[in-house]
Amino acid sequence: MKRVADNSTTSIEIEVESGQDTIVHLKGRVDVDSSPAVRNRLRAILLKDALPYSVSVNLAGVTVRRERRWTSAGATPARELVRSTR
């Protein structure tokens, strides 16, 4: 089993355990800025000549940031708008 870390982006750490079964560990925020690094790393694993038997992505270290999304009017959060229509 081989572990390789990739800290090329500031908001996500990618660590890969290679072997017959490959495990990709993500730690940090997956967002617009970090998702290309995640995509490229997974793509590189799948484009190898010797494909792993399985690829698992461990999301236990991923953090979620809740953002309030405002309507175009800017007065009512969209989340509250959805609740009020039910």
Foldseek 3Di string as FASTA:
>chain_A
DDWDWDCPDPFWIWIWDDDLEIEIEIAGEDDPVCVVVVVVVVVVQCPDPDHHPYYHYHCPRYDDDDDFDADPVRPDTVVVVVVVVD
